[in-house]
Amino acid sequence: MAITLYGDSISGNCLKVKWTCDLLDVAYDWVEVDVVGGETQSATMRALNPAAQVPTILFEDGRALAQSNAIITHLAEGTSLIPKDAYWRAKMFEWLFWEQYSHEPYIAVRRFQMLYLGKPEADLDPKLLERGEAALTRMEAWLEAAPYLVDRTLSCADISLLAYTRRAHEGGFDLGKFPAVQAWVTRVDADLGLEPIG
């Protein structure tokens, strides 16, 4: 299976797809799409994905697929990244849905506004910090008792949540307050062969 992966290198949502491809040896051609520069609004991108978002992948047969967590679970079908046990598979989806609803909208958005839009902290919605810390607190509680998010083994849930958690400091979040999360980031970075963030 060879695919074309349309993504922006600054986007954790795009990187989680890249990491899944790399881990599973899925061949892909990366097409850089500058989100900040508005390239997602091009006619090409809108034809592939009417929502005009990245990541989007294009299969050799012409079909396209969007939404990072949908993509990574599709790519991981039949591998150890998706639990065979029905409960643990559902638990993986619980974390994936939660990531897009209760984690990414606060941690990723705050990071984007500070790092790429240059907004001073005083101009940010204080709820971004409050809810982002609540998300990290939930992860901390789980990871104090388990090395991974699902069934004590690496899954799509870990790849998904790693993307913005490992860069949470760029949004003003102090991971030093969450030692179990920090240890998990180090563990999953190593599993994926990623260079640790300085």
N, C-alpha and C. Protein backbone atom coordinates (compact mmCIF):
# COMPACT_ATOMS: atom_id res chain seq x y z
N MET A 1 0.85 -1.19 0.00
CA MET A 1 0.00 0.00 0.00
C MET A 1 0.88 1.23 0.00
N ALA A 2 0.85 1.99 -1.08
CA ALA A 2 1.56 3.28 -1.14
C ALA A 2 0.51 4.38 -1.10
N ILE A 3 0.77 5.40 -0.32
CA ILE A 3 -0.19 6.49 -0.19
C ILE A 3 0.51 7.82 -0.36
N THR A 4 -0.28 8.86 -0.63
CA THR A 4 0.21 10.23 -0.59
C THR A 4 -0.35 10.86 0.67
N LEU A 5 0.52 11.42 1.47
CA LEU A 5 0.14 12.01 2.75
C LEU A 5 0.31 13.51 2.67
N TYR A 6 -0.79 14.22 2.73
CA TYR A 6 -0.79 15.67 2.72
C TYR A 6 -0.79 16.13 4.18
N GLY A 7 0.25 16.87 4.56
CA GLY A 7 0.36 17.27 5.95
C GLY A 7 1.25 18.48 6.13
N ASP A 8 1.16 19.06 7.30
CA ASP A 8 2.00 20.18 7.69
C ASP A 8 2.91 19.69 8.81
N SER A 9 4.21 19.88 8.65
CA SER A 9 5.18 19.35 9.60
C SER A 9 5.06 19.94 11.00
N ILE A 10 4.37 21.07 11.15
CA ILE A 10 4.21 21.66 12.49
C ILE A 10 2.99 21.08 13.21
N SER A 11 2.22 20.27 12.52
CA SER A 11 0.96 19.77 13.07
C SER A 11 1.13 18.40 13.71
N GLY A 12 0.79 18.30 14.99
CA GLY A 12 0.81 17.00 15.64
C GLY A 12 -0.16 16.02 15.01
N ASN A 13 -1.30 16.51 14.56
CA ASN A 13 -2.27 15.64 13.91
C ASN A 13 -1.67 14.99 12.65
N CYS A 14 -0.87 15.75 11.93
CA CYS A 14 -0.22 15.20 10.73
C CYS A 14 0.93 14.27 11.11
N LEU A 15 1.69 14.64 12.12
CA LEU A 15 2.84 13.83 12.52
C LEU A 15 2.42 12.47 13.04
N LYS A 16 1.27 12.39 13.71
CA LYS A 16 0.85 11.08 14.22
C LYS A 16 0.60 10.10 13.07
N VAL A 17 0.14 10.62 11.93
CA VAL A 17 -0.04 9.75 10.75
C VAL A 17 1.32 9.33 10.21
N LYS A 18 2.24 10.27 10.11
CA LYS A 18 3.60 9.96 9.64
C LYS A 18 4.25 8.91 10.53
N TRP A 19 4.14 9.09 11.85
CA TRP A 19 4.76 8.13 12.77
C TRP A 19 4.16 6.74 12.61
N THR A 20 2.84 6.67 12.40
CA THR A 20 2.19 5.37 12.22
C THR A 20 2.69 4.71 10.94
N CYS A 21 2.79 5.47 9.87
CA CYS A 21 3.34 4.93 8.62
C CYS A 21 4.76 4.41 8.84
N ASP A 22 5.58 5.22 9.49
CA ASP A 22 6.98 4.83 9.70
C ASP A 22 7.08 3.56 10.55
N LEU A 23 6.29 3.49 11.61
CA LEU A 23 6.33 2.34 12.49
C LEU A 23 5.90 1.06 11.78
N LEU A 24 4.90 1.19 10.91
CA LEU A 24 4.33 0.01 10.24
C LEU A 24 4.92 -0.24 8.86
N ASP A 25 5.94 0.56 8.49
CA ASP A 25 6.58 0.43 7.17
C ASP A 25 5.58 0.59 6.02
N VAL A 26 4.68 1.53 6.17
CA VAL A 26 3.75 1.88 5.09
C VAL A 26 4.42 2.93 4.21
N ALA A 27 4.57 2.64 2.94
CA ALA A 27 5.22 3.58 2.03
C ALA A 27 4.31 4.78 1.78
N TYR A 28 4.90 5.97 1.77
CA TYR A 28 4.10 7.17 1.52
C TYR A 28 4.96 8.25 0.90
N ASP A 29 4.30 9.12 0.16
CA ASP A 29 4.91 10.34 -0.34
C ASP A 29 4.32 11.48 0.48
N TRP A 30 5.19 12.26 1.11
CA TRP A 30 4.74 13.39 1.93
C TRP A 30 4.62 14.63 1.07
N VAL A 31 3.47 15.28 1.11
CA VAL A 31 3.26 16.55 0.42
C VAL A 31 3.04 17.61 1.50
N GLU A 32 3.98 18.55 1.62
CA GLU A 32 3.90 19.59 2.65
C GLU A 32 2.82 20.60 2.29
N VAL A 33 1.94 20.86 3.22
CA VAL A 33 0.84 21.81 3.05
C VAL A 33 0.94 22.83 4.18
N ASP A 34 1.17 24.08 3.85
CA ASP A 34 1.38 25.14 4.85
C ASP A 34 0.03 25.63 5.37
N VAL A 35 -0.31 25.18 6.58
CA VAL A 35 -1.59 25.56 7.17
C VAL A 35 -1.63 27.06 7.46
N VAL A 36 -0.57 27.58 8.07
CA VAL A 36 -0.54 28.99 8.43
C VAL A 36 -0.63 29.87 7.19
N GLY A 37 -0.02 29.41 6.09
CA GLY A 37 -0.05 30.15 4.83
C GLY A 37 -1.32 29.98 4.03
N GLY A 38 -2.26 29.19 4.54
CA GLY A 38 -3.55 29.04 3.88
C GLY A 38 -3.61 28.03 2.76
N GLU A 39 -2.60 27.16 2.65
CA GLU A 39 -2.57 26.21 1.53
C GLU A 39 -3.66 25.15 1.61
N THR A 40 -4.24 24.96 2.79
CA THR A 40 -5.33 23.98 2.88
C THR A 40 -6.57 24.45 2.12
N GLN A 41 -6.61 25.74 1.78
CA GLN A 41 -7.78 26.28 1.08
C GLN A 41 -7.65 26.16 -0.44
N SER A 42 -6.58 25.55 -0.92
CA SER A 42 -6.39 25.43 -2.37
C SER A 42 -7.45 24.52 -2.98
N ALA A 43 -7.64 24.66 -4.28
CA ALA A 43 -8.61 23.82 -4.99
C ALA A 43 -8.24 22.35 -4.89
N THR A 44 -6.95 22.07 -4.93
CA THR A 44 -6.47 20.68 -4.83
C THR A 44 -6.88 20.07 -3.51
N MET A 45 -6.62 20.81 -2.41
CA MET A 45 -6.95 20.28 -1.09
C MET A 45 -8.46 20.15 -0.90
N ARG A 46 -9.23 21.12 -1.41
CA ARG A 46 -10.68 21.06 -1.25
C ARG A 46 -11.27 19.90 -2.04
N ALA A 47 -10.64 19.56 -3.15
CA ALA A 47 -11.12 18.42 -3.93
C ALA A 47 -10.87 17.11 -3.18
N LEU A 48 -9.74 17.05 -2.47
CA LEU A 48 -9.41 15.85 -1.69
C LEU A 48 -10.23 15.76 -0.42
N ASN A 49 -10.40 16.91 0.23
CA ASN A 49 -11.04 16.96 1.54
C ASN A 49 -11.87 18.23 1.62
N PRO A 50 -13.17 18.14 1.44
CA PRO A 50 -14.03 19.34 1.45
C PRO A 50 -13.92 20.16 2.73
N ALA A 51 -13.45 19.53 3.82
CA ALA A 51 -13.25 20.28 5.06
C ALA A 51 -11.98 21.13 5.01
N ALA A 52 -11.17 20.93 3.96
CA ALA A 52 -9.94 21.72 3.75
C ALA A 52 -9.02 21.63 4.97
N GLN A 53 -8.73 20.40 5.38
CA GLN A 53 -7.88 20.17 6.53
C GLN A 53 -6.81 19.14 6.21
N VAL A 54 -5.72 19.22 6.96
CA VAL A 54 -4.73 18.16 6.95
C VAL A 54 -4.67 17.58 8.36
N PRO A 55 -4.31 16.28 8.45
CA PRO A 55 -3.84 15.41 7.38
C PRO A 55 -4.99 14.87 6.51
N THR A 56 -4.63 14.60 5.28
CA THR A 56 -5.48 13.87 4.36
C THR A 56 -4.57 12.90 3.62
N ILE A 57 -5.02 11.68 3.45
CA ILE A 57 -4.24 10.74 2.66
C ILE A 57 -5.01 10.36 1.40
N LEU A 58 -4.24 10.10 0.35
CA LEU A 58 -4.81 9.69 -0.94
C LEU A 58 -4.24 8.32 -1.28
N PHE A 59 -5.15 7.38 -1.49
CA PHE A 59 -4.73 6.03 -1.85
C PHE A 59 -4.50 5.94 -3.36
N GLU A 60 -3.80 4.89 -3.76
CA GLU A 60 -3.49 4.71 -5.18
C GLU A 60 -4.75 4.57 -6.04
N ASP A 61 -5.83 4.08 -5.44
CA ASP A 61 -7.06 3.91 -6.20
C ASP A 61 -7.90 5.18 -6.29
N GLY A 62 -7.37 6.30 -5.74
CA GLY A 62 -8.04 7.59 -5.85
C GLY A 62 -8.94 7.96 -4.68
N ARG A 63 -9.12 7.03 -3.74
CA ARG A 63 -9.93 7.36 -2.57
C ARG A 63 -9.10 8.17 -1.57
N ALA A 64 -9.76 9.08 -0.89
CA ALA A 64 -9.09 9.91 0.11
C ALA A 64 -9.70 9.63 1.49
N LEU A 65 -8.90 9.90 2.52
CA LEU A 65 -9.35 9.72 3.90
C LEU A 65 -8.77 10.85 4.74
N ALA A 66 -9.60 11.44 5.59
CA ALA A 66 -9.17 12.54 6.45
C ALA A 66 -9.42 12.18 7.91
N GLN A 67 -9.04 13.11 8.79
CA GLN A 67 -9.12 12.99 10.25
C GLN A 67 -8.04 12.04 10.76
N SER A 68 -7.13 12.61 11.53
CA SER A 68 -5.92 11.88 11.93
C SER A 68 -6.22 10.55 12.62
N ASN A 69 -7.15 10.53 13.54
CA ASN A 69 -7.39 9.28 14.27
C ASN A 69 -8.08 8.23 13.40
N ALA A 70 -8.90 8.67 12.46
CA ALA A 70 -9.48 7.71 11.50
C ALA A 70 -8.38 7.13 10.62
N ILE A 71 -7.44 7.98 10.21
CA ILE A 71 -6.35 7.51 9.34
C ILE A 71 -5.47 6.51 10.06
N ILE A 72 -5.06 6.84 11.28
CA ILE A 72 -4.11 5.93 11.95
C ILE A 72 -4.76 4.59 12.29
N THR A 73 -6.04 4.59 12.63
CA THR A 73 -6.68 3.30 12.90
C THR A 73 -6.86 2.49 11.62
N HIS A 74 -7.10 3.17 10.51
CA HIS A 74 -7.18 2.45 9.23
C HIS A 74 -5.83 1.83 8.89
N LEU A 75 -4.77 2.61 9.02
CA LEU A 75 -3.43 2.10 8.70
C LEU A 75 -3.04 0.95 9.62
N ALA A 76 -3.51 1.00 10.86
CA ALA A 76 -3.11 0.00 11.86
C ALA A 76 -4.00 -1.25 11.87
N GLU A 77 -4.99 -1.29 11.02
CA GLU A 77 -5.91 -2.44 10.98
C GLU A 77 -5.12 -3.74 10.87
N GLY A 78 -5.42 -4.69 11.78
CA GLY A 78 -4.76 -6.00 11.73
C GLY A 78 -3.40 -6.04 12.39
N THR A 79 -2.96 -4.94 13.01
CA THR A 79 -1.66 -4.92 13.69
C THR A 79 -1.86 -4.86 15.20
N SER A 80 -0.75 -4.96 15.93
CA SER A 80 -0.82 -4.92 17.39
C SER A 80 -1.21 -3.56 17.93
N LEU A 81 -1.25 -2.53 17.09
CA LEU A 81 -1.65 -1.19 17.54
C LEU A 81 -3.14 -1.10 17.84
N ILE A 82 -3.90 -2.10 17.40
CA ILE A 82 -5.34 -2.15 17.70
C ILE A 82 -5.60 -3.45 18.46
N PRO A 83 -6.05 -3.36 19.71
CA PRO A 83 -6.27 -4.56 20.51
C PRO A 83 -7.29 -5.50 19.88
N LYS A 84 -7.04 -6.78 20.03
CA LYS A 84 -8.01 -7.77 19.55
C LYS A 84 -9.19 -7.90 20.51
N ASP A 85 -8.92 -7.75 21.79
CA ASP A 85 -9.97 -7.83 22.79
C ASP A 85 -10.96 -6.68 22.62
N ALA A 86 -12.26 -7.01 22.62
CA ALA A 86 -13.28 -6.00 22.32
C ALA A 86 -13.28 -4.86 23.33
N TYR A 87 -13.09 -5.18 24.62
CA TYR A 87 -13.10 -4.12 25.63
C TYR A 87 -11.92 -3.17 25.41
N TRP A 88 -10.73 -3.71 25.23
CA TRP A 88 -9.55 -2.86 25.09
C TRP A 88 -9.58 -2.09 23.78
N ARG A 89 -10.17 -2.69 22.75
CA ARG A 89 -10.33 -1.95 21.49
C ARG A 89 -11.26 -0.76 21.70
N ALA A 90 -12.35 -0.98 22.43
CA ALA A 90 -13.26 0.12 22.74
C ALA A 90 -12.56 1.17 23.62
N LYS A 91 -11.72 0.72 24.54
CA LYS A 91 -10.97 1.64 25.39
C LYS A 91 -10.03 2.50 24.54
N MET A 92 -9.42 1.90 23.53
CA MET A 92 -8.58 2.67 22.62
C MET A 92 -9.40 3.77 21.95
N PHE A 93 -10.59 3.42 21.47
CA PHE A 93 -11.43 4.43 20.82
C PHE A 93 -11.88 5.49 21.83
N GLU A 94 -12.11 5.09 23.07
CA GLU A 94 -12.46 6.07 24.10
C GLU A 94 -11.37 7.15 24.20
N TRP A 95 -10.11 6.72 24.25
CA TRP A 95 -9.01 7.67 24.33
C TRP A 95 -8.90 8.50 23.04
N LEU A 96 -9.12 7.88 21.89
CA LEU A 96 -9.02 8.62 20.62
C LEU A 96 -10.10 9.69 20.52
N PHE A 97 -11.32 9.36 20.91
CA PHE A 97 -12.39 10.36 20.88
C PHE A 97 -12.10 11.47 21.89
N TRP A 98 -11.63 11.07 23.07
CA TRP A 98 -11.32 12.04 24.12
C TRP A 98 -10.19 12.99 23.68
N GLU A 99 -9.23 12.44 22.97
CA GLU A 99 -8.09 13.27 22.50
C GLU A 99 -8.58 14.43 21.65
N GLN A 100 -9.52 14.17 20.75
CA GLN A 100 -9.99 15.22 19.85
C GLN A 100 -11.00 16.16 20.52
N TYR A 101 -11.61 15.72 21.61
CA TYR A 101 -12.65 16.54 22.25
C TYR A 101 -12.15 17.26 23.50
N SER A 102 -11.26 16.62 24.26
CA SER A 102 -10.88 17.16 25.57
C SER A 102 -9.41 17.44 25.74
N HIS A 103 -8.59 17.14 24.77
CA HIS A 103 -7.13 17.31 24.87
C HIS A 103 -6.64 18.27 23.79
N GLU A 104 -6.75 17.86 22.54
CA GLU A 104 -6.26 18.65 21.40
C GLU A 104 -6.85 20.07 21.34
N PRO A 105 -8.15 20.26 21.62
CA PRO A 105 -8.71 21.62 21.51
C PRO A 105 -8.12 22.62 22.50
N TYR A 106 -7.44 22.13 23.51
CA TYR A 106 -6.87 23.03 24.52
C TYR A 106 -5.35 23.07 24.44
N ILE A 107 -4.71 21.92 24.46
CA ILE A 107 -3.25 21.89 24.44
C ILE A 107 -2.72 22.31 23.07
N ALA A 108 -3.27 21.74 22.01
CA ALA A 108 -2.79 22.09 20.67
C ALA A 108 -3.14 23.52 20.30
N VAL A 109 -4.35 23.94 20.65
CA VAL A 109 -4.79 25.30 20.29
C VAL A 109 -3.96 26.35 21.03
N ARG A 110 -3.70 26.12 22.31
CA ARG A 110 -2.89 27.08 23.07
C ARG A 110 -1.48 27.15 22.49
N ARG A 111 -0.91 25.98 22.17
CA ARG A 111 0.43 25.94 21.56
C ARG A 111 0.45 26.71 20.25
N PHE A 112 -0.55 26.48 19.40
CA PHE A 112 -0.60 27.14 18.10
C PHE A 112 -0.69 28.65 18.25
N GLN A 113 -1.54 29.09 19.16
CA GLN A 113 -1.72 30.53 19.34
C GLN A 113 -0.46 31.19 19.87
N MET A 114 0.25 30.53 20.77
CA MET A 114 1.47 31.11 21.34
C MET A 114 2.64 31.01 20.37
N LEU A 115 2.83 29.82 19.80
CA LEU A 115 4.04 29.54 19.03
C LEU A 115 3.97 30.07 17.61
N TYR A 116 2.81 29.96 16.97
CA TYR A 116 2.72 30.30 15.55
C TYR A 116 1.97 31.60 15.28
N LEU A 117 1.07 31.98 16.17
CA LEU A 117 0.38 33.26 16.00
C LEU A 117 1.01 34.36 16.85
N GLY A 118 1.91 33.98 17.75
CA GLY A 118 2.63 34.95 18.56
C GLY A 118 1.78 35.70 19.57
N LYS A 119 0.70 35.10 20.00
CA LYS A 119 -0.18 35.78 20.97
C LYS A 119 0.47 35.78 22.35
N PRO A 120 0.45 36.92 23.04
CA PRO A 120 0.93 36.92 24.42
C PRO A 120 -0.03 36.17 25.32
N GLU A 121 0.50 35.66 26.40
CA GLU A 121 -0.32 34.85 27.31
C GLU A 121 -1.54 35.61 27.81
N ALA A 122 -1.39 36.90 28.01
CA ALA A 122 -2.50 37.70 28.53
C ALA A 122 -3.70 37.74 27.58
N ASP A 123 -3.46 37.48 26.29
CA ASP A 123 -4.54 37.53 25.30
C ASP A 123 -5.22 36.18 25.09
N LEU A 124 -4.73 35.14 25.75
CA LEU A 124 -5.27 33.80 25.55
C LEU A 124 -6.47 33.56 26.46
N ASP A 125 -7.39 32.77 25.99
CA ASP A 125 -8.53 32.36 26.80
C ASP A 125 -8.01 31.53 27.97
N PRO A 126 -8.23 31.95 29.21
CA PRO A 126 -7.71 31.20 30.35
C PRO A 126 -8.24 29.78 30.45
N LYS A 127 -9.36 29.50 29.80
CA LYS A 127 -9.91 28.15 29.83
C LYS A 127 -9.01 27.16 29.08
N LEU A 128 -8.21 27.66 28.13
CA LEU A 128 -7.29 26.77 27.41
C LEU A 128 -6.29 26.14 28.37
N LEU A 129 -5.74 26.95 29.27
CA LEU A 129 -4.79 26.43 30.25
C LEU A 129 -5.50 25.53 31.27
N GLU A 130 -6.62 25.98 31.75
CA GLU A 130 -7.36 25.22 32.76
C GLU A 130 -7.76 23.84 32.24
N ARG A 131 -8.32 23.81 31.05
CA ARG A 131 -8.81 22.53 30.51
C ARG A 131 -7.66 21.66 29.99
N GLY A 132 -6.60 22.29 29.50
CA GLY A 132 -5.43 21.52 29.10
C GLY A 132 -4.79 20.83 30.30
N GLU A 133 -4.70 21.54 31.42
CA GLU A 133 -4.15 20.93 32.63
C GLU A 133 -5.06 19.83 33.16
N ALA A 134 -6.36 20.01 33.00
CA ALA A 134 -7.30 18.96 33.41
C ALA A 134 -7.07 17.70 32.56
N ALA A 135 -6.79 17.88 31.28
CA ALA A 135 -6.53 16.73 30.42
C ALA A 135 -5.25 16.02 30.85
N LEU A 136 -4.20 16.78 31.13
CA LEU A 136 -2.94 16.18 31.57
C LEU A 136 -3.10 15.50 32.92
N THR A 137 -3.95 16.05 33.78
CA THR A 137 -4.21 15.44 35.08
C THR A 137 -4.90 14.09 34.91
N ARG A 138 -5.83 14.02 33.97
CA ARG A 138 -6.49 12.72 33.72
C ARG A 138 -5.49 11.69 33.21
N MET A 139 -4.63 12.11 32.28
CA MET A 139 -3.61 11.18 31.78
C MET A 139 -2.67 10.75 32.89
N GLU A 140 -2.28 11.69 33.74
CA GLU A 140 -1.37 11.38 34.85
C GLU A 140 -1.97 10.30 35.75
N ALA A 141 -3.24 10.44 36.09
CA ALA A 141 -3.88 9.47 36.98
C ALA A 141 -3.87 8.07 36.36
N TRP A 142 -4.12 7.99 35.07
CA TRP A 142 -4.12 6.68 34.40
C TRP A 142 -2.71 6.11 34.32
N LEU A 143 -1.76 6.95 33.94
CA LEU A 143 -0.39 6.48 33.66
C LEU A 143 0.41 6.23 34.93
N GLU A 144 -0.08 6.66 36.06
CA GLU A 144 0.56 6.29 37.32
C GLU A 144 0.44 4.79 37.57
N ALA A 145 -0.56 4.17 36.97
CA ALA A 145 -0.82 2.75 37.22
C ALA A 145 -0.56 1.86 36.00
N ALA A 146 -0.23 2.45 34.86
CA ALA A 146 -0.07 1.66 33.64
C ALA A 146 0.98 2.32 32.74
N PRO A 147 1.77 1.52 32.02
CA PRO A 147 2.81 2.09 31.17
C PRO A 147 2.27 2.71 29.88
N TYR A 148 1.09 2.26 29.45
CA TYR A 148 0.47 2.75 28.22
C TYR A 148 -1.01 3.02 28.50
N LEU A 149 -1.67 3.59 27.53
CA LEU A 149 -3.07 3.96 27.72
C LEU A 149 -4.04 2.79 27.57
N VAL A 150 -3.61 1.74 26.87
CA VAL A 150 -4.52 0.63 26.58
C VAL A 150 -3.81 -0.70 26.81
N ASP A 151 -4.31 -1.50 27.72
CA ASP A 151 -3.90 -2.89 27.89
C ASP A 151 -2.39 -3.08 28.03
N ARG A 152 -1.72 -2.11 28.62
CA ARG A 152 -0.29 -2.20 28.94
C ARG A 152 0.60 -2.42 27.72
N THR A 153 0.14 -1.96 26.56
CA THR A 153 0.95 -2.09 25.35
C THR A 153 0.69 -0.91 24.42
N LEU A 154 1.64 -0.61 23.56
CA LEU A 154 1.51 0.51 22.63
C LEU A 154 0.31 0.32 21.71
N SER A 155 -0.48 1.38 21.56
CA SER A 155 -1.64 1.33 20.66
C SER A 155 -1.79 2.66 19.94
N CYS A 156 -2.77 2.72 19.07
CA CYS A 156 -3.07 3.97 18.37
C CYS A 156 -3.36 5.10 19.34
N ALA A 157 -3.90 4.79 20.51
CA ALA A 157 -4.21 5.82 21.49
C ALA A 157 -2.94 6.53 21.95
N ASP A 158 -1.87 5.78 22.16
CA ASP A 158 -0.61 6.39 22.59
C ASP A 158 -0.03 7.28 21.50
N ILE A 159 -0.07 6.81 20.27
CA ILE A 159 0.46 7.60 19.16
C ILE A 159 -0.33 8.90 19.03
N SER A 160 -1.64 8.79 19.12
CA SER A 160 -2.49 9.97 18.98
C SER A 160 -2.21 11.00 20.07
N LEU A 161 -2.18 10.55 21.31
CA LEU A 161 -2.02 11.49 22.42
C LEU A 161 -0.60 11.98 22.58
N LEU A 162 0.36 11.24 22.07
CA LEU A 162 1.75 11.71 22.15
C LEU A 162 1.95 13.00 21.38
N ALA A 163 1.28 13.14 20.24
CA ALA A 163 1.58 14.20 19.28
C ALA A 163 1.62 15.58 19.92
N TYR A 164 0.60 15.94 20.66
CA TYR A 164 0.59 17.26 21.28
C TYR A 164 1.06 17.25 22.73
N THR A 165 1.00 16.11 23.39
CA THR A 165 1.48 16.06 24.78
C THR A 165 2.98 16.31 24.83
N ARG A 166 3.74 15.74 23.90
CA ARG A 166 5.20 15.88 23.95
C ARG A 166 5.63 17.33 23.68
N ARG A 167 4.73 18.14 23.13
CA ARG A 167 5.05 19.55 22.86
C ARG A 167 4.18 20.51 23.67
N ALA A 168 3.60 19.98 24.74
CA ALA A 168 2.69 20.81 25.55
C ALA A 168 3.40 22.02 26.13
N HIS A 169 4.71 21.89 26.42
CA HIS A 169 5.45 23.02 26.99
C HIS A 169 5.45 24.23 26.06
N GLU A 170 5.30 23.99 24.75
CA GLU A 170 5.28 25.10 23.80
C GLU A 170 3.98 25.90 23.90
N GLY A 171 3.02 25.34 24.61
CA GLY A 171 1.78 26.06 24.89
C GLY A 171 1.70 26.54 26.32
N GLY A 172 2.84 26.50 27.01
CA GLY A 172 2.89 27.00 28.38
C GLY A 172 2.48 26.01 29.44
N PHE A 173 2.38 24.73 29.10
CA PHE A 173 2.05 23.70 30.08
C PHE A 173 3.34 23.13 30.66
N ASP A 174 3.36 22.94 31.96
CA ASP A 174 4.55 22.44 32.65
C ASP A 174 4.41 20.94 32.87
N LEU A 175 5.07 20.15 32.02
CA LEU A 175 4.99 18.70 32.17
C LEU A 175 5.71 18.20 33.41
N GLY A 176 6.54 19.05 34.01
CA GLY A 176 7.19 18.67 35.26
C GLY A 176 6.20 18.38 36.36
N LYS A 177 4.99 18.89 36.24
CA LYS A 177 3.93 18.64 37.21
C LYS A 177 3.28 17.26 37.00
N PHE A 178 3.66 16.60 35.91
CA PHE A 178 3.01 15.34 35.54
C PHE A 178 4.09 14.28 35.24
N PRO A 179 4.76 13.77 36.28
CA PRO A 179 5.90 12.86 36.06
C PRO A 179 5.53 11.56 35.34
N ALA A 180 4.34 11.03 35.60
CA ALA A 180 3.95 9.79 34.90
C ALA A 180 3.74 10.06 33.42
N VAL A 181 3.20 11.23 33.09
CA VAL A 181 3.04 11.61 31.69
C VAL A 181 4.41 11.79 31.05
N GLN A 182 5.32 12.44 31.75
CA GLN A 182 6.68 12.62 31.21
C GLN A 182 7.34 11.27 30.93
N ALA A 183 7.22 10.32 31.85
CA ALA A 183 7.81 9.00 31.66
C ALA A 183 7.18 8.29 30.47
N TRP A 184 5.87 8.45 30.32
CA TRP A 184 5.16 7.86 29.17
C TRP A 184 5.63 8.48 27.86
N VAL A 185 5.80 9.79 27.82
CA VAL A 185 6.31 10.45 26.61
C VAL A 185 7.67 9.86 26.23
N THR A 186 8.56 9.71 27.20
CA THR A 186 9.89 9.14 26.94
C THR A 186 9.76 7.72 26.39
N ARG A 187 8.85 6.94 26.97
CA ARG A 187 8.65 5.54 26.57
C ARG A 187 8.12 5.46 25.13
N VAL A 188 7.11 6.26 24.82
CA VAL A 188 6.50 6.17 23.49
C VAL A 188 7.42 6.79 22.44
N ASP A 189 8.13 7.86 22.78
CA ASP A 189 9.15 8.39 21.88
C ASP A 189 10.11 7.28 21.46
N ALA A 190 10.59 6.52 22.44
CA ALA A 190 11.53 5.43 22.15
C ALA A 190 10.88 4.35 21.29
N ASP A 191 9.63 4.01 21.60
CA ASP A 191 8.92 2.99 20.81
C ASP A 191 8.82 3.40 19.34
N LEU A 192 8.64 4.71 19.11
CA LEU A 192 8.46 5.20 17.75
C LEU A 192 9.78 5.63 17.09
N GLY A 193 10.86 5.55 17.84
CA GLY A 193 12.16 5.97 17.30
C GLY A 193 12.30 7.45 17.11
N LEU A 194 11.62 8.24 17.97
CA LEU A 194 11.66 9.68 17.85
C LEU A 194 12.78 10.25 18.71
N GLU A 195 13.40 11.32 18.22
CA GLU A 195 14.39 12.02 19.01
C GLU A 195 13.68 12.71 20.18
N PRO A 196 14.21 12.56 21.39
CA PRO A 196 13.56 13.27 22.51
C PRO A 196 13.60 14.77 22.29
N ILE A 197 12.56 15.44 22.77
CA ILE A 197 12.52 16.89 22.70
C ILE A 197 13.37 17.45 23.83
N GLY A 198 14.24 18.41 23.49
CA GLY A 198 15.22 18.94 24.42
C GLY A 198 14.78 19.41 25.70
